[in-house]
Amino acid sequence: MTGDKKEKTKDEIDAITDIDLKKNELEIKKSAREGYMDLVMSMQDVKSFNIVKEHENKLYSAWPALQDEFEPTFPEALLKK
């Protein structure tokens, strides 16, 4: 996940007049929602679930929050065994 596709709000999408661009934005919103739901369903503990739940259907902010919490940062953990 690169986060290169920014999810627009409903109001921003409603303001788009180009039909193809609007379809594209709706598809991005649908994909982000499905990805968020997959992420919620994959959580195996309460801590992870609560981190994801705090981001209320925002996949592109939920994933980095999980990485910040669980990704190792000290040198010993980063070394491959």
PDB file of N, CA and C in Angstrom:
ATOM      1  N   MET A   1       0.844  -1.173   0.000  1.00  0.00           N
ATOM      2  CA  MET A   1       0.000   0.000   0.000  1.00  0.00           C
ATOM      3  C   MET A   1       0.886   1.231   0.000  1.00  0.00           C
ATOM      4  N   THR A   2       0.724   2.032  -0.989  1.00  0.00           N
ATOM      5  CA  THR A   2       1.570   3.209  -1.100  1.00  0.00           C
ATOM      6  C   THR A   2       0.852   4.472  -0.662  1.00  0.00           C
ATOM      7  N   GLY A   3      -0.464   4.448  -0.637  1.00  0.00           N
ATOM      8  CA  GLY A   3      -1.205   5.637  -0.262  1.00  0.00           C
ATOM      9  C   GLY A   3      -1.200   6.692  -1.349  1.00  0.00           C
ATOM     10  N   ASP A   4      -0.830   6.301  -2.573  1.00  0.00           N
ATOM     11  CA  ASP A   4      -0.764   7.283  -3.650  1.00  0.00           C
ATOM     12  C   ASP A   4      -2.144   7.691  -4.154  1.00  0.00           C
ATOM     13  N   LYS A   5      -3.156   6.924  -3.826  1.00  0.00           N
ATOM     14  CA  LYS A   5      -4.524   7.280  -4.186  1.00  0.00           C
ATOM     15  C   LYS A   5      -5.184   7.861  -2.945  1.00  0.00           C
ATOM     16  N   LYS A   6      -5.469   9.153  -2.982  1.00  0.00           N
ATOM     17  CA  LYS A   6      -6.106   9.815  -1.852  1.00  0.00           C
ATOM     18  C   LYS A   6      -7.611   9.674  -1.982  1.00  0.00           C
ATOM     19  N   GLU A   7      -8.230   9.201  -0.919  1.00  0.00           N
ATOM     20  CA  GLU A   7      -9.679   9.045  -0.914  1.00  0.00           C
ATOM     21  C   GLU A   7     -10.341  10.401  -0.681  1.00  0.00           C
ATOM     22  N   LYS A   8     -11.259  10.758  -1.545  1.00  0.00           N
ATOM     23  CA  LYS A   8     -11.960  12.036  -1.430  1.00  0.00           C
ATOM     24  C   LYS A   8     -13.219  11.875  -0.577  1.00  0.00           C
ATOM     25  N   THR A   9     -13.680  12.965  -0.024  1.00  0.00           N
ATOM     26  CA  THR A   9     -14.919  12.947   0.754  1.00  0.00           C
ATOM     27  C   THR A   9     -16.109  12.855  -0.201  1.00  0.00           C
ATOM     28  N   LYS A  10     -17.274  12.561   0.354  1.00  0.00           N
ATOM     29  CA  LYS A  10     -18.493  12.468  -0.461  1.00  0.00           C
ATOM     30  C   LYS A  10     -18.791  13.804  -1.137  1.00  0.00           C
ATOM     31  N   ASP A  11     -18.623  14.889  -0.416  1.00  0.00           N
ATOM     32  CA  ASP A  11     -18.879  16.215  -0.992  1.00  0.00           C
ATOM     33  C   ASP A  11     -17.929  16.524  -2.148  1.00  0.00           C
ATOM     34  N   GLU A  12     -16.664  16.145  -1.999  1.00  0.00           N
ATOM     35  CA  GLU A  12     -15.699  16.365  -3.072  1.00  0.00           C
ATOM     36  C   GLU A  12     -16.070  15.559  -4.321  1.00  0.00           C
ATOM     37  N   ILE A  13     -16.512  14.326  -4.116  1.00  0.00           N
ATOM     38  CA  ILE A  13     -16.916  13.477  -5.237  1.00  0.00           C
ATOM     39  C   ILE A  13     -18.175  14.029  -5.895  1.00  0.00           C
ATOM     40  N   ASP A  14     -19.127  14.476  -5.091  1.00  0.00           N
ATOM     41  CA  ASP A  14     -20.365  15.036  -5.637  1.00  0.00           C
ATOM     42  C   ASP A  14     -20.096  16.275  -6.487  1.00  0.00           C
ATOM     43  N   ALA A  15     -19.038  17.015  -6.169  1.00  0.00           N
ATOM     44  CA  ALA A  15     -18.721  18.247  -6.897  1.00  0.00           C
ATOM     45  C   ALA A  15     -18.044  17.984  -8.245  1.00  0.00           C
ATOM     46  N   ILE A  16     -17.598  16.765  -8.482  1.00  0.00           N
ATOM     47  CA  ILE A  16     -16.921  16.428  -9.739  1.00  0.00           C
ATOM     48  C   ILE A  16     -17.949  16.351 -10.865  1.00  0.00           C
ATOM     49  N   THR A  17     -17.660  17.031 -11.958  1.00  0.00           N
ATOM     50  CA  THR A  17     -18.601  17.034 -13.081  1.00  0.00           C
ATOM     51  C   THR A  17     -18.209  16.038 -14.173  1.00  0.00           C
ATOM     52  N   ASP A  18     -16.945  15.699 -14.287  1.00  0.00           N
ATOM     53  CA  ASP A  18     -16.474  14.734 -15.288  1.00  0.00           C
ATOM     54  C   ASP A  18     -16.917  13.326 -14.863  1.00  0.00           C
ATOM     55  N   ILE A  19     -17.734  12.683 -15.677  1.00  0.00           N
ATOM     56  CA  ILE A  19     -18.312  11.378 -15.358  1.00  0.00           C
ATOM     57  C   ILE A  19     -17.224  10.319 -15.125  1.00  0.00           C
ATOM     58  N   ASP A  20     -16.226  10.259 -16.011  1.00  0.00           N
ATOM     59  CA  ASP A  20     -15.167   9.250 -15.871  1.00  0.00           C
ATOM     60  C   ASP A  20     -14.360   9.463 -14.602  1.00  0.00           C
ATOM     61  N   LEU A  21     -14.044  10.713 -14.290  1.00  0.00           N
ATOM     62  CA  LEU A  21     -13.294  11.022 -13.072  1.00  0.00           C
ATOM     63  C   LEU A  21     -14.115  10.672 -11.838  1.00  0.00           C
ATOM     64  N   LYS A  22     -15.414  10.951 -11.898  1.00  0.00           N
ATOM     65  CA  LYS A  22     -16.302  10.634 -10.777  1.00  0.00           C
ATOM     66  C   LYS A  22     -16.362   9.123 -10.555  1.00  0.00           C
ATOM     67  N   LYS A  23     -16.468   8.342 -11.648  1.00  0.00           N
ATOM     68  CA  LYS A  23     -16.483   6.881 -11.540  1.00  0.00           C
ATOM     69  C   LYS A  23     -15.193   6.376 -10.913  1.00  0.00           C
ATOM     70  N   ASN A  24     -14.078   6.961 -11.342  1.00  0.00           N
ATOM     71  CA  ASN A  24     -12.779   6.573 -10.810  1.00  0.00           C
ATOM     72  C   ASN A  24     -12.703   6.849  -9.305  1.00  0.00           C
ATOM     73  N   GLU A  25     -13.151   8.011  -8.877  1.00  0.00           N
ATOM     74  CA  GLU A  25     -13.118   8.367  -7.453  1.00  0.00           C
ATOM     75  C   GLU A  25     -14.041   7.468  -6.631  1.00  0.00           C
ATOM     76  N   LEU A  26     -15.204   7.123  -7.195  1.00  0.00           N
ATOM     77  CA  LEU A  26     -16.111   6.206  -6.488  1.00  0.00           C
ATOM     78  C   LEU A  26     -15.501   4.819  -6.361  1.00  0.00           C
ATOM     79  N   GLU A  27     -14.770   4.387  -7.382  1.00  0.00           N
ATOM     80  CA  GLU A  27     -14.090   3.086  -7.335  1.00  0.00           C
ATOM     81  C   GLU A  27     -12.986   3.091  -6.276  1.00  0.00           C
ATOM     82  N   ILE A  28     -12.243   4.185  -6.189  1.00  0.00           N
ATOM     83  CA  ILE A  28     -11.206   4.307  -5.155  1.00  0.00           C
ATOM     84  C   ILE A  28     -11.844   4.237  -3.771  1.00  0.00           C
ATOM     85  N   LYS A  29     -12.953   4.948  -3.594  1.00  0.00           N
ATOM     86  CA  LYS A  29     -13.647   4.955  -2.300  1.00  0.00           C
ATOM     87  C   LYS A  29     -14.143   3.551  -1.953  1.00  0.00           C
ATOM     88  N   LYS A  30     -14.695   2.851  -2.939  1.00  0.00           N
ATOM     89  CA  LYS A  30     -15.192   1.484  -2.714  1.00  0.00           C
ATOM     90  C   LYS A  30     -14.032   0.542  -2.356  1.00  0.00           C
ATOM     91  N   SER A  31     -12.925   0.643  -3.076  1.00  0.00           N
ATOM     92  CA  SER A  31     -11.767  -0.213  -2.808  1.00  0.00           C
ATOM     93  C   SER A  31     -11.184   0.057  -1.431  1.00  0.00           C
ATOM     94  N   ALA A  32     -11.119   1.333  -1.058  1.00  0.00           N
ATOM     95  CA  ALA A  32     -10.600   1.689   0.261  1.00  0.00           C
ATOM     96  C   ALA A  32     -11.510   1.143   1.362  1.00  0.00           C
ATOM     97  N   ARG A  33     -12.812   1.220   1.154  1.00  0.00           N
ATOM     98  CA  ARG A  33     -13.778   0.699   2.137  1.00  0.00           C
ATOM     99  C   ARG A  33     -13.626  -0.817   2.279  1.00  0.00           C
ATOM    100  N   GLU A  34     -13.500  -1.516   1.155  1.00  0.00           N
ATOM    101  CA  GLU A  34     -13.325  -2.969   1.195  1.00  0.00           C
ATOM    102  C   GLU A  34     -12.001  -3.334   1.869  1.00  0.00           C
ATOM    103  N   GLY A  35     -10.954  -2.587   1.566  1.00  0.00           N
ATOM    104  CA  GLY A  35      -9.661  -2.826   2.203  1.00  0.00           C
ATOM    105  C   GLY A  35      -9.715  -2.589   3.695  1.00  0.00           C
ATOM    106  N   TYR A  36     -10.409  -1.539   4.101  1.00  0.00           N
ATOM    107  CA  TYR A  36     -10.565  -1.243   5.525  1.00  0.00           C
ATOM    108  C   TYR A  36     -11.312  -2.385   6.219  1.00  0.00           C
ATOM    109  N   MET A  37     -12.387  -2.869   5.605  1.00  0.00           N
ATOM    110  CA  MET A  37     -13.159  -3.959   6.208  1.00  0.00           C
ATOM    111  C   MET A  37     -12.322  -5.234   6.292  1.00  0.00           C
ATOM    112  N   ASP A  38     -11.516  -5.516   5.274  1.00  0.00           N
ATOM    113  CA  ASP A  38     -10.615  -6.675   5.329  1.00  0.00           C
ATOM    114  C   ASP A  38      -9.617  -6.522   6.475  1.00  0.00           C
ATOM    115  N   LEU A  39      -9.114  -5.310   6.648  1.00  0.00           N
ATOM    116  CA  LEU A  39      -8.167  -5.043   7.726  1.00  0.00           C
ATOM    117  C   LEU A  39      -8.825  -5.242   9.091  1.00  0.00           C
ATOM    118  N   VAL A  40     -10.040  -4.746   9.255  1.00  0.00           N
ATOM    119  CA  VAL A  40     -10.777  -4.921  10.512  1.00  0.00           C
ATOM    120  C   VAL A  40     -10.977  -6.408  10.802  1.00  0.00           C
ATOM    121  N   MET A  41     -11.379  -7.156   9.779  1.00  0.00           N
ATOM    122  CA  MET A  41     -11.672  -8.576   9.975  1.00  0.00           C
ATOM    123  C   MET A  41     -10.408  -9.400  10.251  1.00  0.00           C
ATOM    124  N   SER A  42      -9.248  -8.879   9.880  1.00  0.00           N
ATOM    125  CA  SER A  42      -8.018  -9.641  10.086  1.00  0.00           C
ATOM    126  C   SER A  42      -7.382  -9.390  11.461  1.00  0.00           C
ATOM    127  N   MET A  43      -7.898  -8.449  12.215  1.00  0.00           N
ATOM    128  CA  MET A  43      -7.311  -8.144  13.521  1.00  0.00           C
ATOM    129  C   MET A  43      -7.559  -9.304  14.490  1.00  0.00           C
ATOM    130  N   GLN A  44      -6.495  -9.722  15.151  1.00  0.00           N
ATOM    131  CA  GLN A  44      -6.598 -10.890  16.012  1.00  0.00           C
ATOM    132  C   GLN A  44      -6.533 -10.558  17.499  1.00  0.00           C
ATOM    133  N   ASP A  45      -6.345  -9.301  17.833  1.00  0.00           N
ATOM    134  CA  ASP A  45      -6.358  -8.923  19.244  1.00  0.00           C
ATOM    135  C   ASP A  45      -7.054  -7.571  19.398  1.00  0.00           C
ATOM    136  N   VAL A  46      -7.433  -7.267  20.613  1.00  0.00           N
ATOM    137  CA  VAL A  46      -8.213  -6.057  20.883  1.00  0.00           C
ATOM    138  C   VAL A  46      -7.397  -4.797  20.584  1.00  0.00           C
ATOM    139  N   LYS A  47      -6.116  -4.808  20.919  1.00  0.00           N
ATOM    140  CA  LYS A  47      -5.276  -3.630  20.692  1.00  0.00           C
ATOM    141  C   LYS A  47      -5.236  -3.270  19.202  1.00  0.00           C
ATOM    142  N   SER A  48      -4.974  -4.247  18.357  1.00  0.00           N
ATOM    143  CA  SER A  48      -4.927  -4.014  16.911  1.00  0.00           C
ATOM    144  C   SER A  48      -6.283  -3.552  16.393  1.00  0.00           C
ATOM    145  N   PHE A  49      -7.331  -4.208  16.848  1.00  0.00           N
ATOM    146  CA  PHE A  49      -8.683  -3.856  16.415  1.00  0.00           C
ATOM    147  C   PHE A  49      -8.998  -2.409  16.768  1.00  0.00           C
ATOM    148  N   ASN A  50      -8.648  -2.000  17.985  1.00  0.00           N
ATOM    149  CA  ASN A  50      -8.937  -0.632  18.412  1.00  0.00           C
ATOM    150  C   ASN A  50      -8.137   0.405  17.623  1.00  0.00           C
ATOM    151  N   ILE A  51      -6.903   0.081  17.264  1.00  0.00           N
ATOM    152  CA  ILE A  51      -6.108   0.999  16.448  1.00  0.00           C
ATOM    153  C   ILE A  51      -6.793   1.215  15.106  1.00  0.00           C
ATOM    154  N   VAL A  52      -7.233   0.137  14.487  1.00  0.00           N
ATOM    155  CA  VAL A  52      -7.902   0.237  13.188  1.00  0.00           C
ATOM    156  C   VAL A  52      -9.248   0.945  13.328  1.00  0.00           C
ATOM    157  N   LYS A  53      -9.982   0.598  14.371  1.00  0.00           N
ATOM    158  CA  LYS A  53     -11.307   1.187  14.576  1.00  0.00           C
ATOM    159  C   LYS A  53     -11.231   2.704  14.770  1.00  0.00           C
ATOM    160  N   GLU A  54     -10.160   3.194  15.386  1.00  0.00           N
ATOM    161  CA  GLU A  54      -9.987   4.633  15.600  1.00  0.00           C
ATOM    162  C   GLU A  54      -9.958   5.421  14.291  1.00  0.00           C
ATOM    163  N   HIS A  55      -9.624   4.761  13.203  1.00  0.00           N
ATOM    164  CA  HIS A  55      -9.465   5.462  11.929  1.00  0.00           C
ATOM    165  C   HIS A  55     -10.717   5.462  11.067  1.00  0.00           C
ATOM    166  N   GLU A  56     -11.823   4.959  11.593  1.00  0.00           N
ATOM    167  CA  GLU A  56     -13.143   5.060  10.976  1.00  0.00           C
ATOM    168  C   GLU A  56     -13.167   5.020   9.451  1.00  0.00           C
ATOM    169  N   ASN A  57     -12.974   3.860   8.905  1.00  0.00           N
ATOM    170  CA  ASN A  57     -13.074   3.635   7.455  1.00  0.00           C
ATOM    171  C   ASN A  57     -12.019   4.358   6.628  1.00  0.00           C
ATOM    172  N   LYS A  58     -10.905   4.696   7.213  1.00  0.00           N
ATOM    173  CA  LYS A  58      -9.831   5.362   6.477  1.00  0.00           C
ATOM    174  C   LYS A  58      -8.640   4.416   6.393  1.00  0.00           C
ATOM    175  N   LEU A  59      -8.648   3.602   5.365  1.00  0.00           N
ATOM    176  CA  LEU A  59      -7.615   2.589   5.177  1.00  0.00           C
ATOM    177  C   LEU A  59      -6.221   3.196   5.146  1.00  0.00           C
ATOM    178  N   TYR A  60      -6.087   4.341   4.466  1.00  0.00           N
ATOM    179  CA  TYR A  60      -4.767   4.922   4.268  1.00  0.00           C
ATOM    180  C   TYR A  60      -4.187   5.547   5.530  1.00  0.00           C
ATOM    181  N   SER A  61      -4.959   5.656   6.586  1.00  0.00           N
ATOM    182  CA  SER A  61      -4.395   6.103   7.857  1.00  0.00           C
ATOM    183  C   SER A  61      -4.346   4.963   8.871  1.00  0.00           C
ATOM    184  N   ALA A  62      -5.201   3.956   8.718  1.00  0.00           N
ATOM    185  CA  ALA A  62      -5.218   2.826   9.647  1.00  0.00           C
ATOM    186  C   ALA A  62      -3.960   1.969   9.501  1.00  0.00           C
ATOM    187  N   TRP A  63      -3.561   1.713   8.276  1.00  0.00           N
ATOM    188  CA  TRP A  63      -2.397   0.853   8.045  1.00  0.00           C
ATOM    189  C   TRP A  63      -1.115   1.465   8.620  1.00  0.00           C
ATOM    190  N   PRO A  64      -0.804   2.727   8.339  1.00  0.00           N
ATOM    191  CA  PRO A  64       0.398   3.321   8.939  1.00  0.00           C
ATOM    192  C   PRO A  64       0.343   3.356  10.470  1.00  0.00           C
ATOM    193  N   ALA A  65      -0.854   3.501  11.041  1.00  0.00           N
ATOM    194  CA  ALA A  65      -0.979   3.497  12.500  1.00  0.00           C
ATOM    195  C   ALA A  65      -0.581   2.130  13.065  1.00  0.00           C
ATOM    196  N   LEU A  66      -0.978   1.071  12.379  1.00  0.00           N
ATOM    197  CA  LEU A  66      -0.568  -0.276  12.801  1.00  0.00           C
ATOM    198  C   LEU A  66       0.948  -0.452  12.667  1.00  0.00           C
ATOM    199  N   GLN A  67       1.497   0.043  11.570  1.00  0.00           N
ATOM    200  CA  GLN A  67       2.942  -0.052  11.373  1.00  0.00           C
ATOM    201  C   GLN A  67       3.683   0.702  12.478  1.00  0.00           C
ATOM    202  N   ASP A  68       3.203   1.883  12.818  1.00  0.00           N
ATOM    203  CA  ASP A  68       3.845   2.666  13.879  1.00  0.00           C
ATOM    204  C   ASP A  68       3.840   1.924  15.203  1.00  0.00           C
ATOM    205  N   GLU A  69       2.768   1.210  15.472  1.00  0.00           N
ATOM    206  CA  GLU A  69       2.642   0.501  16.741  1.00  0.00           C
ATOM    207  C   GLU A  69       3.466  -0.782  16.789  1.00  0.00           C
ATOM    208  N   PHE A  70       3.501  -1.543  15.704  1.00  0.00           N
ATOM    209  CA  PHE A  70       4.055  -2.888  15.769  1.00  0.00           C
ATOM    210  C   PHE A  70       5.352  -3.123  14.999  1.00  0.00           C
ATOM    211  N   GLU A  71       5.709  -2.240  14.094  1.00  0.00           N
ATOM    212  CA  GLU A  71       6.926  -2.444  13.312  1.00  0.00           C
ATOM    213  C   GLU A  71       8.151  -2.235  14.211  1.00  0.00           C
ATOM    214  N   PRO A  72       9.084  -3.184  14.180  1.00  0.00           N
ATOM    215  CA  PRO A  72      10.267  -3.030  15.024  1.00  0.00           C
ATOM    216  C   PRO A  72      11.097  -1.823  14.601  1.00  0.00           C
ATOM    217  N   THR A  73      11.663  -1.149  15.595  1.00  0.00           N
ATOM    218  CA  THR A  73      12.465   0.035  15.298  1.00  0.00           C
ATOM    219  C   THR A  73      13.888  -0.054  15.840  1.00  0.00           C
ATOM    220  N   PHE A  74      14.133  -0.977  16.773  1.00  0.00           N
ATOM    221  CA  PHE A  74      15.491  -1.058  17.315  1.00  0.00           C
ATOM    222  C   PHE A  74      16.342  -1.981  16.452  1.00  0.00           C
ATOM    223  N   PRO A  75      17.641  -1.711  16.353  1.00  0.00           N
ATOM    224  CA  PRO A  75      18.520  -2.393  15.399  1.00  0.00           C
ATOM    225  C   PRO A  75      18.505  -3.922  15.483  1.00  0.00           C
ATOM    226  N   GLU A  76      18.451  -4.466  16.672  1.00  0.00           N
ATOM    227  CA  GLU A  76      18.473  -5.928  16.820  1.00  0.00           C
ATOM    228  C   GLU A  76      17.267  -6.595  16.148  1.00  0.00           C
ATOM    229  N   ALA A  77      16.117  -5.955  16.236  1.00  0.00           N
ATOM    230  CA  ALA A  77      14.898  -6.517  15.651  1.00  0.00           C
ATOM    231  C   ALA A  77      14.898  -6.380  14.127  1.00  0.00           C
ATOM    232  N   LEU A  78      15.651  -5.420  13.623  1.00  0.00           N
ATOM    233  CA  LEU A  78      15.687  -5.204  12.177  1.00  0.00           C
ATOM    234  C   LEU A  78      16.656  -6.143  11.466  1.00  0.00           C
ATOM    235  N   LEU A  79      17.565  -6.751  12.219  1.00  0.00           N
ATOM    236  CA  LEU A  79      18.526  -7.679  11.621  1.00  0.00           C
ATOM    237  C   LEU A  79      17.824  -8.975  11.230  1.00  0.00           C
ATOM    238  N   LYS A  80      18.155  -9.491  10.067  1.00  0.00           N
ATOM    239  CA  LYS A  80      17.593 -10.768   9.644  1.00  0.00           C
ATOM    240  C   LYS A  80      18.343 -11.889  10.339  1.00  0.00           C
ATOM    241  N   LYS A  81      17.616 -12.919  10.680  1.00  0.00           N
ATOM    242  CA  LYS A  81      18.244 -14.079  11.345  1.00  0.00           C
ATOM    243  C   LYS A  81      18.798 -15.034  10.340  1.00  0.00           C
TER     244      LYS A  81
END
